Amino acid sequence: MGTDSRERMVRSAAYLFRERGYSGTGFRDVITHSGAPRGSIYHHFPGGKVQLAEEAVRYAGEFLNAGIAAAVEGGDAASAVDAFVGWWRQVLIKSEFRAGCPVVAVTVESHEDAPQLAAAAAAAFGRWQDTLATGLGNAGVPDARAGRLATMIVAAVEGATVMCRARRDVAPLDEVVAELKDLARAAVAGA
């Protein structure tokens, strides 16, 4: 029971950070959203909100990385881009452009007194880049180029997601995806 409550709170925090950001999400919000018992949050997260946020970032990072890993198994570079972006597109539309990336939300609000949050976000971004680079490499992109292209994919998609939220339209994401797919195909052809 305790582990289930803890996991629900971590998932709820990640979900709430997507829409409200780190500063806009309190313990009370997480308790309400998760349905966990009131006193359990302090029991499971004695390090407070910073500990909860760090674990929520790890959870979100691993969740998305699992999707990327499954997508790149096919060995097609353009499909890897589509898979990475497909999830974001769905989140934006389903949330009516209220939700973005919980990792970004925590990153942009990280403070000097909680360096572990920036470290957790950097680790999540790094895993995504590594997984994408491996998939691009398996598709025939030279290793050095695969790493740079993976960094560009993560940065471009995250930036496009922010633009989509501002415009309340998926056009920026669709435009970025078209260019990234062309780059991925060209990188394979140029290998």
N, C-alpha and C. Protein backbone atom coordinates (compact mmCIF):
# COMPACT_ATOMS: atom_id res chain seq x y z
N MET A 1 0.83 -1.21 0.00
CA MET A 1 0.00 0.00 0.00
C MET A 1 0.86 1.25 0.00
N GLY A 2 1.90 1.29 0.84
CA GLY A 2 2.76 2.45 0.92
C GLY A 2 3.48 2.73 -0.37
N THR A 3 3.99 1.70 -1.01
CA THR A 3 4.71 1.87 -2.27
C THR A 3 3.77 2.37 -3.35
N ASP A 4 2.53 1.84 -3.37
CA ASP A 4 1.54 2.27 -4.35
C ASP A 4 1.24 3.76 -4.18
N SER A 5 1.05 4.20 -2.95
CA SER A 5 0.79 5.62 -2.68
C SER A 5 1.96 6.47 -3.12
N ARG A 6 3.15 6.00 -2.83
CA ARG A 6 4.36 6.74 -3.21
C ARG A 6 4.45 6.89 -4.72
N GLU A 7 4.23 5.80 -5.44
CA GLU A 7 4.29 5.84 -6.91
C GLU A 7 3.22 6.75 -7.48
N ARG A 8 2.03 6.71 -6.90
CA ARG A 8 0.95 7.59 -7.36
C ARG A 8 1.32 9.06 -7.15
N MET A 9 1.96 9.35 -6.02
CA MET A 9 2.36 10.73 -5.76
C MET A 9 3.43 11.19 -6.75
N VAL A 10 4.38 10.33 -7.07
CA VAL A 10 5.42 10.69 -8.03
C VAL A 10 4.80 10.94 -9.41
N ARG A 11 3.93 10.03 -9.84
CA ARG A 11 3.25 10.21 -11.14
C ARG A 11 2.41 11.48 -11.14
N SER A 12 1.69 11.71 -10.06
CA SER A 12 0.85 12.92 -9.98
C SER A 12 1.70 14.18 -10.03
N ALA A 13 2.82 14.19 -9.33
CA ALA A 13 3.70 15.36 -9.36
C ALA A 13 4.18 15.62 -10.78
N ALA A 14 4.60 14.58 -11.49
CA ALA A 14 5.05 14.76 -12.87
C ALA A 14 3.93 15.33 -13.73
N TYR A 15 2.74 14.79 -13.56
CA TYR A 15 1.58 15.26 -14.31
C TYR A 15 1.28 16.73 -14.00
N LEU A 16 1.27 17.06 -12.73
CA LEU A 16 0.95 18.44 -12.34
C LEU A 16 2.03 19.42 -12.77
N PHE A 17 3.30 19.01 -12.72
CA PHE A 17 4.37 19.89 -13.17
C PHE A 17 4.21 20.23 -14.64
N ARG A 18 3.70 19.29 -15.43
CA ARG A 18 3.49 19.54 -16.87
C ARG A 18 2.57 20.73 -17.10
N GLU A 19 1.55 20.86 -16.25
CA GLU A 19 0.56 21.91 -16.45
C GLU A 19 0.78 23.15 -15.59
N ARG A 20 1.26 22.95 -14.37
CA ARG A 20 1.34 24.06 -13.43
C ARG A 20 2.77 24.52 -13.14
N GLY A 21 3.74 23.73 -13.55
CA GLY A 21 5.12 24.05 -13.23
C GLY A 21 5.48 23.60 -11.82
N TYR A 22 6.73 23.75 -11.49
CA TYR A 22 7.23 23.35 -10.18
C TYR A 22 6.67 24.27 -9.09
N SER A 23 6.79 25.58 -9.29
CA SER A 23 6.33 26.54 -8.28
C SER A 23 4.82 26.51 -8.09
N GLY A 24 4.08 26.18 -9.13
CA GLY A 24 2.63 26.19 -9.07
C GLY A 24 2.02 24.91 -8.53
N THR A 25 2.86 23.96 -8.14
CA THR A 25 2.37 22.68 -7.63
C THR A 25 2.81 22.52 -6.18
N GLY A 26 1.86 22.32 -5.30
CA GLY A 26 2.17 22.12 -3.89
C GLY A 26 1.86 20.69 -3.45
N PHE A 27 2.32 20.35 -2.27
CA PHE A 27 2.05 19.02 -1.71
C PHE A 27 0.55 18.74 -1.67
N ARG A 28 -0.23 19.73 -1.29
CA ARG A 28 -1.68 19.56 -1.21
C ARG A 28 -2.26 19.15 -2.58
N ASP A 29 -1.74 19.77 -3.65
CA ASP A 29 -2.20 19.42 -5.01
C ASP A 29 -1.87 17.97 -5.35
N VAL A 30 -0.67 17.55 -4.96
CA VAL A 30 -0.23 16.18 -5.25
C VAL A 30 -1.08 15.18 -4.47
N ILE A 31 -1.38 15.48 -3.22
CA ILE A 31 -2.22 14.61 -2.40
C ILE A 31 -3.61 14.49 -3.03
N THR A 32 -4.18 15.62 -3.41
CA THR A 32 -5.52 15.61 -4.01
C THR A 32 -5.53 14.82 -5.32
N HIS A 33 -4.58 15.09 -6.18
CA HIS A 33 -4.52 14.44 -7.49
C HIS A 33 -4.27 12.94 -7.38
N SER A 34 -3.39 12.55 -6.47
CA SER A 34 -3.00 11.15 -6.34
C SER A 34 -3.98 10.33 -5.52
N GLY A 35 -4.75 11.00 -4.67
CA GLY A 35 -5.65 10.28 -3.78
C GLY A 35 -4.93 9.59 -2.63
N ALA A 36 -3.67 9.94 -2.42
CA ALA A 36 -2.87 9.34 -1.35
C ALA A 36 -3.30 9.91 0.00
N PRO A 37 -3.07 9.15 1.06
CA PRO A 37 -3.38 9.66 2.41
C PRO A 37 -2.55 10.91 2.72
N ARG A 38 -3.16 11.85 3.41
CA ARG A 38 -2.53 13.15 3.68
C ARG A 38 -1.14 13.07 4.30
N GLY A 39 -0.99 12.33 5.35
CA GLY A 39 0.29 12.29 6.05
C GLY A 39 1.37 11.51 5.33
N SER A 40 0.99 10.78 4.30
CA SER A 40 1.96 9.90 3.65
C SER A 40 3.02 10.66 2.85
N ILE A 41 2.73 11.85 2.41
CA ILE A 41 3.69 12.57 1.58
C ILE A 41 4.95 12.90 2.38
N TYR A 42 4.77 13.28 3.62
CA TYR A 42 5.94 13.59 4.45
C TYR A 42 6.69 12.33 4.85
N HIS A 43 5.96 11.24 4.97
CA HIS A 43 6.60 9.95 5.26
C HIS A 43 7.46 9.49 4.09
N HIS A 44 6.91 9.57 2.89
CA HIS A 44 7.61 9.07 1.71
C HIS A 44 8.66 10.05 1.16
N PHE A 45 8.49 11.32 1.44
CA PHE A 45 9.40 12.33 0.91
C PHE A 45 9.90 13.24 2.03
N PRO A 46 10.74 12.68 2.92
CA PRO A 46 11.23 13.48 4.04
C PRO A 46 12.09 14.65 3.57
N GLY A 47 12.58 14.57 2.34
CA GLY A 47 13.37 15.67 1.77
C GLY A 47 12.50 16.77 1.19
N GLY A 48 11.19 16.66 1.37
CA GLY A 48 10.27 17.71 0.95
C GLY A 48 9.99 17.73 -0.55
N LYS A 49 9.57 18.87 -1.00
CA LYS A 49 9.16 19.05 -2.39
C LYS A 49 10.31 18.80 -3.36
N VAL A 50 11.51 19.15 -2.96
CA VAL A 50 12.68 18.93 -3.82
C VAL A 50 12.85 17.43 -4.08
N GLN A 51 12.73 16.62 -3.06
CA GLN A 51 12.86 15.17 -3.24
C GLN A 51 11.75 14.63 -4.15
N LEU A 52 10.52 15.08 -3.93
CA LEU A 52 9.41 14.65 -4.77
C LEU A 52 9.65 15.07 -6.23
N ALA A 53 10.08 16.29 -6.44
CA ALA A 53 10.33 16.78 -7.80
C ALA A 53 11.46 16.00 -8.47
N GLU A 54 12.51 15.72 -7.73
CA GLU A 54 13.62 14.95 -8.29
C GLU A 54 13.13 13.58 -8.76
N GLU A 55 12.32 12.94 -7.96
CA GLU A 55 11.80 11.62 -8.33
C GLU A 55 10.78 11.71 -9.47
N ALA A 56 10.02 12.78 -9.51
CA ALA A 56 9.06 12.97 -10.60
C ALA A 56 9.79 13.20 -11.92
N VAL A 57 10.89 13.93 -11.88
CA VAL A 57 11.69 14.15 -13.09
C VAL A 57 12.29 12.83 -13.56
N ARG A 58 12.81 12.04 -12.62
CA ARG A 58 13.34 10.71 -12.99
C ARG A 58 12.26 9.85 -13.63
N TYR A 59 11.10 9.84 -13.00
CA TYR A 59 9.97 9.04 -13.52
C TYR A 59 9.62 9.49 -14.94
N ALA A 60 9.42 10.79 -15.14
CA ALA A 60 9.05 11.31 -16.46
C ALA A 60 10.14 11.00 -17.48
N GLY A 61 11.39 11.15 -17.07
CA GLY A 61 12.50 10.86 -17.97
C GLY A 61 12.52 9.41 -18.41
N GLU A 62 12.32 8.51 -17.47
CA GLU A 62 12.31 7.07 -17.80
C GLU A 62 11.09 6.68 -18.62
N PHE A 63 9.96 7.28 -18.31
CA PHE A 63 8.73 7.00 -19.06
C PHE A 63 8.92 7.33 -20.53
N LEU A 64 9.40 8.53 -20.81
CA LEU A 64 9.58 8.93 -22.20
C LEU A 64 10.73 8.15 -22.85
N ASN A 65 11.77 7.87 -22.09
CA ASN A 65 12.88 7.12 -22.66
C ASN A 65 12.46 5.72 -23.09
N ALA A 66 11.55 5.10 -22.35
CA ALA A 66 11.05 3.78 -22.74
C ALA A 66 10.35 3.85 -24.09
N GLY A 67 9.60 4.92 -24.31
CA GLY A 67 8.94 5.10 -25.60
C GLY A 67 9.93 5.33 -26.73
N ILE A 68 10.97 6.09 -26.45
CA ILE A 68 12.00 6.34 -27.46
C ILE A 68 12.71 5.04 -27.79
N ALA A 69 13.06 4.28 -26.77
CA ALA A 69 13.77 3.01 -26.98
C ALA A 69 12.95 2.06 -27.85
N ALA A 70 11.65 1.98 -27.58
CA ALA A 70 10.79 1.11 -28.39
C ALA A 70 10.72 1.61 -29.82
N ALA A 71 10.71 2.92 -30.01
CA ALA A 71 10.59 3.48 -31.35
C ALA A 71 11.84 3.28 -32.20
N VAL A 72 12.99 3.35 -31.58
CA VAL A 72 14.22 3.26 -32.37
C VAL A 72 14.61 1.83 -32.70
N GLU A 73 13.90 0.86 -32.13
CA GLU A 73 14.20 -0.54 -32.42
C GLU A 73 14.04 -0.89 -33.89
N GLY A 74 13.17 -0.17 -34.59
CA GLY A 74 12.91 -0.46 -36.00
C GLY A 74 14.07 -0.15 -36.93
N GLY A 75 15.01 0.66 -36.49
CA GLY A 75 16.18 0.95 -37.30
C GLY A 75 15.97 2.02 -38.36
N ASP A 76 14.85 2.74 -38.30
CA ASP A 76 14.58 3.82 -39.25
C ASP A 76 14.72 5.15 -38.53
N ALA A 77 15.64 5.98 -39.01
CA ALA A 77 15.94 7.24 -38.34
C ALA A 77 14.74 8.18 -38.31
N ALA A 78 14.01 8.29 -39.42
CA ALA A 78 12.86 9.19 -39.46
C ALA A 78 11.75 8.70 -38.53
N SER A 79 11.59 7.41 -38.42
CA SER A 79 10.56 6.86 -37.51
C SER A 79 10.91 7.16 -36.06
N ALA A 80 12.19 7.18 -35.74
CA ALA A 80 12.61 7.52 -34.38
C ALA A 80 12.19 8.94 -34.04
N VAL A 81 12.35 9.84 -35.00
CA VAL A 81 11.93 11.23 -34.79
C VAL A 81 10.42 11.28 -34.59
N ASP A 82 9.69 10.60 -35.46
CA ASP A 82 8.22 10.57 -35.36
C ASP A 82 7.76 10.07 -34.00
N ALA A 83 8.39 9.04 -33.51
CA ALA A 83 7.98 8.45 -32.24
C ALA A 83 8.24 9.40 -31.08
N PHE A 84 9.39 10.05 -31.09
CA PHE A 84 9.71 10.99 -30.01
C PHE A 84 8.70 12.13 -29.99
N VAL A 85 8.34 12.60 -31.17
CA VAL A 85 7.46 13.74 -31.27
C VAL A 85 5.99 13.36 -31.10
N GLY A 86 5.64 12.16 -31.50
CA GLY A 86 4.24 11.73 -31.45
C GLY A 86 3.64 11.85 -30.07
N TRP A 87 4.41 11.48 -29.07
CA TRP A 87 3.91 11.57 -27.69
C TRP A 87 3.64 13.02 -27.31
N TRP A 88 4.58 13.92 -27.64
CA TRP A 88 4.41 15.34 -27.30
C TRP A 88 3.18 15.92 -28.00
N ARG A 89 3.01 15.57 -29.25
CA ARG A 89 1.87 16.07 -30.02
C ARG A 89 0.56 15.67 -29.33
N GLN A 90 0.48 14.43 -28.93
CA GLN A 90 -0.70 13.90 -28.27
C GLN A 90 -0.96 14.62 -26.94
N VAL A 91 0.08 14.83 -26.16
CA VAL A 91 -0.05 15.52 -24.87
C VAL A 91 -0.56 16.94 -25.08
N LEU A 92 -0.01 17.63 -26.05
CA LEU A 92 -0.43 19.02 -26.31
C LEU A 92 -1.91 19.09 -26.67
N ILE A 93 -2.31 18.25 -27.61
CA ILE A 93 -3.70 18.29 -28.08
C ILE A 93 -4.66 17.86 -26.97
N LYS A 94 -4.35 16.76 -26.32
CA LYS A 94 -5.24 16.23 -25.28
C LYS A 94 -5.42 17.21 -24.13
N SER A 95 -4.37 17.95 -23.80
CA SER A 95 -4.45 18.90 -22.68
C SER A 95 -4.92 20.29 -23.13
N GLU A 96 -5.27 20.43 -24.39
CA GLU A 96 -5.65 21.73 -24.95
C GLU A 96 -4.53 22.75 -24.74
N PHE A 97 -3.30 22.27 -24.93
CA PHE A 97 -2.08 23.08 -24.88
C PHE A 97 -1.74 23.62 -23.49
N ARG A 98 -2.28 22.98 -22.45
CA ARG A 98 -1.93 23.36 -21.08
C ARG A 98 -0.71 22.61 -20.59
N ALA A 99 -0.45 21.43 -21.14
CA ALA A 99 0.64 20.58 -20.63
C ALA A 99 1.85 20.65 -21.54
N GLY A 100 2.99 20.65 -20.90
CA GLY A 100 4.26 20.58 -21.60
C GLY A 100 5.10 19.47 -20.98
N CYS A 101 6.37 19.68 -20.95
CA CYS A 101 7.29 18.67 -20.44
C CYS A 101 7.57 18.93 -18.95
N PRO A 102 7.32 17.94 -18.09
CA PRO A 102 7.59 18.15 -16.67
C PRO A 102 9.08 18.34 -16.38
N VAL A 103 9.93 17.75 -17.21
CA VAL A 103 11.38 17.91 -17.01
C VAL A 103 11.77 19.36 -17.27
N VAL A 104 11.25 19.94 -18.34
CA VAL A 104 11.52 21.35 -18.65
C VAL A 104 10.95 22.24 -17.56
N ALA A 105 9.72 21.94 -17.12
CA ALA A 105 9.08 22.77 -16.10
C ALA A 105 9.94 22.87 -14.84
N VAL A 106 10.47 21.73 -14.41
CA VAL A 106 11.30 21.73 -13.21
C VAL A 106 12.65 22.40 -13.50
N THR A 107 13.19 22.18 -14.69
CA THR A 107 14.50 22.75 -15.04
C THR A 107 14.48 24.27 -15.02
N VAL A 108 13.48 24.86 -15.65
CA VAL A 108 13.47 26.32 -15.75
C VAL A 108 13.17 27.00 -14.42
N GLU A 109 12.65 26.23 -13.48
CA GLU A 109 12.35 26.79 -12.16
C GLU A 109 13.33 26.33 -11.09
N SER A 110 14.35 25.60 -11.48
CA SER A 110 15.33 25.12 -10.50
C SER A 110 16.07 26.30 -9.89
N HIS A 111 16.37 26.15 -8.62
CA HIS A 111 17.06 27.21 -7.91
C HIS A 111 18.40 26.70 -7.42
N GLU A 112 19.27 27.62 -7.08
CA GLU A 112 20.61 27.26 -6.62
C GLU A 112 20.57 26.39 -5.36
N ASP A 113 19.52 26.52 -4.58
CA ASP A 113 19.44 25.74 -3.34
C ASP A 113 18.99 24.30 -3.58
N ALA A 114 18.72 23.93 -4.84
CA ALA A 114 18.30 22.57 -5.16
C ALA A 114 18.99 22.10 -6.44
N PRO A 115 20.33 21.99 -6.41
CA PRO A 115 21.05 21.59 -7.63
C PRO A 115 20.71 20.18 -8.10
N GLN A 116 20.16 19.36 -7.20
CA GLN A 116 19.80 18.00 -7.59
C GLN A 116 18.67 17.98 -8.62
N LEU A 117 17.85 19.03 -8.66
CA LEU A 117 16.79 19.09 -9.66
C LEU A 117 17.36 19.29 -11.06
N ALA A 118 18.31 20.19 -11.17
CA ALA A 118 18.97 20.40 -12.47
C ALA A 118 19.72 19.14 -12.88
N ALA A 119 20.34 18.48 -11.92
CA ALA A 119 21.08 17.25 -12.23
C ALA A 119 20.14 16.15 -12.71
N ALA A 120 18.98 16.03 -12.08
CA ALA A 120 18.00 15.01 -12.51
C ALA A 120 17.49 15.32 -13.91
N ALA A 121 17.25 16.58 -14.20
CA ALA A 121 16.79 16.98 -15.53
C ALA A 121 17.88 16.72 -16.57
N ALA A 122 19.11 17.08 -16.24
CA ALA A 122 20.22 16.83 -17.18
C ALA A 122 20.35 15.34 -17.47
N ALA A 123 20.17 14.52 -16.45
CA ALA A 123 20.25 13.07 -16.64
C ALA A 123 19.14 12.58 -17.56
N ALA A 124 17.92 13.11 -17.39
CA ALA A 124 16.80 12.71 -18.25
C ALA A 124 17.06 13.10 -19.69
N PHE A 125 17.47 14.35 -19.90
CA PHE A 125 17.78 14.79 -21.27
C PHE A 125 18.90 13.95 -21.86
N GLY A 126 19.91 13.64 -21.05
CA GLY A 126 21.04 12.83 -21.51
C GLY A 126 20.62 11.43 -21.93
N ARG A 127 19.72 10.82 -21.16
CA ARG A 127 19.22 9.48 -21.53
C ARG A 127 18.48 9.53 -22.85
N TRP A 128 17.65 10.56 -23.03
CA TRP A 128 16.91 10.68 -24.30
C TRP A 128 17.89 10.83 -25.46
N GLN A 129 18.88 11.67 -25.27
CA GLN A 129 19.88 11.87 -26.32
C GLN A 129 20.62 10.58 -26.62
N ASP A 130 21.05 9.87 -25.59
CA ASP A 130 21.78 8.62 -25.78
C ASP A 130 20.94 7.59 -26.51
N THR A 131 19.68 7.47 -26.11
CA THR A 131 18.80 6.49 -26.74
C THR A 131 18.54 6.85 -28.20
N LEU A 132 18.29 8.12 -28.45
CA LEU A 132 18.11 8.56 -29.84
C LEU A 132 19.39 8.36 -30.65
N ALA A 133 20.53 8.70 -30.09
CA ALA A 133 21.80 8.55 -30.80
C ALA A 133 22.07 7.09 -31.14
N THR A 134 21.78 6.20 -30.20
CA THR A 134 21.95 4.77 -30.47
C THR A 134 21.04 4.33 -31.61
N GLY A 135 19.79 4.77 -31.57
CA GLY A 135 18.84 4.42 -32.63
C GLY A 135 19.26 4.98 -33.97
N LEU A 136 19.73 6.22 -33.98
CA LEU A 136 20.20 6.82 -35.23
C LEU A 136 21.43 6.08 -35.75
N GLY A 137 22.31 5.71 -34.83
CA GLY A 137 23.50 4.95 -35.22
C GLY A 137 23.12 3.59 -35.81
N ASN A 138 22.16 2.93 -35.19
CA ASN A 138 21.70 1.64 -35.70
C ASN A 138 21.04 1.78 -37.07
N ALA A 139 20.52 2.97 -37.37
CA ALA A 139 19.89 3.23 -38.66
C ALA A 139 20.91 3.62 -39.73
N GLY A 140 22.19 3.75 -39.31
CA GLY A 140 23.23 4.04 -40.29
C GLY A 140 23.86 5.41 -40.21
N VAL A 141 23.45 6.22 -39.22
CA VAL A 141 24.06 7.54 -39.05
C VAL A 141 25.39 7.35 -38.32
N PRO A 142 26.49 7.94 -38.85
CA PRO A 142 27.78 7.83 -38.15
C PRO A 142 27.67 8.32 -36.70
N ASP A 143 28.40 7.66 -35.80
CA ASP A 143 28.27 7.92 -34.37
C ASP A 143 28.38 9.38 -33.97
N ALA A 144 29.39 10.09 -34.47
CA ALA A 144 29.57 11.49 -34.09
C ALA A 144 28.37 12.33 -34.53
N ARG A 145 27.90 12.07 -35.72
CA ARG A 145 26.73 12.82 -36.23
C ARG A 145 25.47 12.40 -35.48
N ALA A 146 25.35 11.13 -35.14
CA ALA A 146 24.17 10.65 -34.43
C ALA A 146 24.03 11.36 -33.08
N GLY A 147 25.13 11.57 -32.39
CA GLY A 147 25.09 12.27 -31.10
C GLY A 147 24.65 13.71 -31.25
N ARG A 148 25.20 14.39 -32.25
CA ARG A 148 24.81 15.79 -32.47
C ARG A 148 23.35 15.89 -32.90
N LEU A 149 22.95 14.99 -33.78
CA LEU A 149 21.56 15.00 -34.26
C LEU A 149 20.59 14.69 -33.12
N ALA A 150 20.95 13.78 -32.25
CA ALA A 150 20.10 13.46 -31.10
C ALA A 150 19.93 14.68 -30.20
N THR A 151 21.01 15.42 -29.97
CA THR A 151 20.93 16.64 -29.17
C THR A 151 20.01 17.64 -29.84
N MET A 152 20.13 17.78 -31.15
CA MET A 152 19.29 18.71 -31.89
C MET A 152 17.81 18.30 -31.83
N ILE A 153 17.55 17.01 -31.91
CA ILE A 153 16.17 16.54 -31.85
C ILE A 153 15.53 16.89 -30.51
N VAL A 154 16.23 16.57 -29.43
CA VAL A 154 15.68 16.87 -28.11
C VAL A 154 15.47 18.37 -27.93
N ALA A 155 16.47 19.17 -28.29
CA ALA A 155 16.36 20.62 -28.12
C ALA A 155 15.25 21.21 -29.00
N ALA A 156 15.18 20.76 -30.24
CA ALA A 156 14.17 21.30 -31.16
C ALA A 156 12.76 20.91 -30.73
N VAL A 157 12.58 19.68 -30.32
CA VAL A 157 11.24 19.23 -29.92
C VAL A 157 10.80 19.94 -28.64
N GLU A 158 11.69 20.07 -27.68
CA GLU A 158 11.33 20.78 -26.45
C GLU A 158 10.98 22.25 -26.75
N GLY A 159 11.78 22.88 -27.59
CA GLY A 159 11.49 24.27 -27.97
C GLY A 159 10.18 24.40 -28.73
N ALA A 160 9.94 23.48 -29.65
CA ALA A 160 8.70 23.51 -30.42
C ALA A 160 7.49 23.28 -29.52
N THR A 161 7.66 22.45 -28.50
CA THR A 161 6.56 22.19 -27.56
C THR A 161 6.18 23.48 -26.83
N VAL A 162 7.17 24.25 -26.43
CA VAL A 162 6.91 25.52 -25.77
C VAL A 162 6.20 26.48 -26.74
N MET A 163 6.65 26.51 -27.98
CA MET A 163 6.01 27.38 -28.98
C MET A 163 4.56 26.96 -29.22
N CYS A 164 4.32 25.67 -29.27
CA CYS A 164 2.95 25.17 -29.46
C CYS A 164 2.03 25.62 -28.34
N ARG A 165 2.54 25.55 -27.13
CA ARG A 165 1.73 25.97 -25.98
C ARG A 165 1.42 27.46 -26.09
N ALA A 166 2.38 28.25 -26.50
CA ALA A 166 2.16 29.69 -26.62
C ALA A 166 1.15 30.02 -27.73
N ARG A 167 1.26 29.30 -28.84
CA ARG A 167 0.36 29.57 -29.98
C ARG A 167 -0.93 28.77 -29.94
N ARG A 168 -0.99 27.77 -29.04
CA ARG A 168 -2.14 26.88 -28.97
C ARG A 168 -2.42 26.23 -30.32
N ASP A 169 -1.33 25.71 -30.87
CA ASP A 169 -1.37 25.12 -32.21
C ASP A 169 -0.18 24.19 -32.34
N VAL A 170 -0.35 23.05 -33.02
CA VAL A 170 0.75 22.10 -33.18
C VAL A 170 1.64 22.39 -34.39
N ALA A 171 1.36 23.47 -35.12
CA ALA A 171 2.13 23.78 -36.32
C ALA A 171 3.65 23.87 -36.06
N PRO A 172 4.11 24.53 -35.00
CA PRO A 172 5.57 24.57 -34.78
C PRO A 172 6.17 23.17 -34.64
N LEU A 173 5.49 22.29 -33.95
CA LEU A 173 5.99 20.94 -33.77
C LEU A 173 6.01 20.19 -35.10
N ASP A 174 4.95 20.33 -35.87
CA ASP A 174 4.90 19.66 -37.18
C ASP A 174 6.01 20.16 -38.11
N GLU A 175 6.27 21.46 -38.08
CA GLU A 175 7.32 22.02 -38.93
C GLU A 175 8.70 21.52 -38.49
N VAL A 176 8.93 21.48 -37.20
CA VAL A 176 10.21 20.99 -36.67
C VAL A 176 10.38 19.51 -37.03
N VAL A 177 9.33 18.73 -36.91
CA VAL A 177 9.41 17.31 -37.22
C VAL A 177 9.78 17.09 -38.68
N ALA A 178 9.16 17.84 -39.58
CA ALA A 178 9.46 17.68 -41.01
C ALA A 178 10.95 17.94 -41.27
N GLU A 179 11.49 18.98 -40.67
CA GLU A 179 12.92 19.29 -40.86
C GLU A 179 13.82 18.24 -40.22
N LEU A 180 13.46 17.80 -39.03
CA LEU A 180 14.28 16.80 -38.34
C LEU A 180 14.29 15.47 -39.10
N LYS A 181 13.16 15.10 -39.65
CA LYS A 181 13.10 13.86 -40.44
C LYS A 181 13.96 13.97 -41.69
N ASP A 182 13.93 15.13 -42.34
CA ASP A 182 14.80 15.35 -43.51
C ASP A 182 16.27 15.25 -43.10
N LEU A 183 16.61 15.84 -41.98
CA LEU A 183 18.00 15.78 -41.48
C LEU A 183 18.40 14.34 -41.17
N ALA A 184 17.50 13.60 -40.53
CA ALA A 184 17.80 12.21 -40.19
C ALA A 184 18.01 11.38 -41.46
N ARG A 185 17.16 11.55 -42.44
CA ARG A 185 17.30 10.80 -43.71
C ARG A 185 18.59 11.19 -44.40
N ALA A 186 18.90 12.48 -44.42
CA ALA A 186 20.13 12.95 -45.07
C ALA A 186 21.37 12.41 -44.36
N ALA A 187 21.29 12.32 -43.02
CA ALA A 187 22.42 11.80 -42.26
C ALA A 187 22.68 10.33 -42.59
N VAL A 188 21.60 9.57 -42.81
CA VAL A 188 21.75 8.16 -43.19
C VAL A 188 22.30 8.07 -44.60
N ALA A 189 21.76 8.88 -45.51
CA ALA A 189 22.19 8.85 -46.91
C ALA A 189 23.64 9.30 -47.06
N GLY A 190 24.06 10.25 -46.20
CA GLY A 190 25.43 10.77 -46.28
C GLY A 190 26.46 9.89 -45.62
N ALA A 191 25.99 8.85 -44.94
CA ALA A 191 26.90 7.97 -44.21
C ALA A 191 27.69 7.18 -45.17
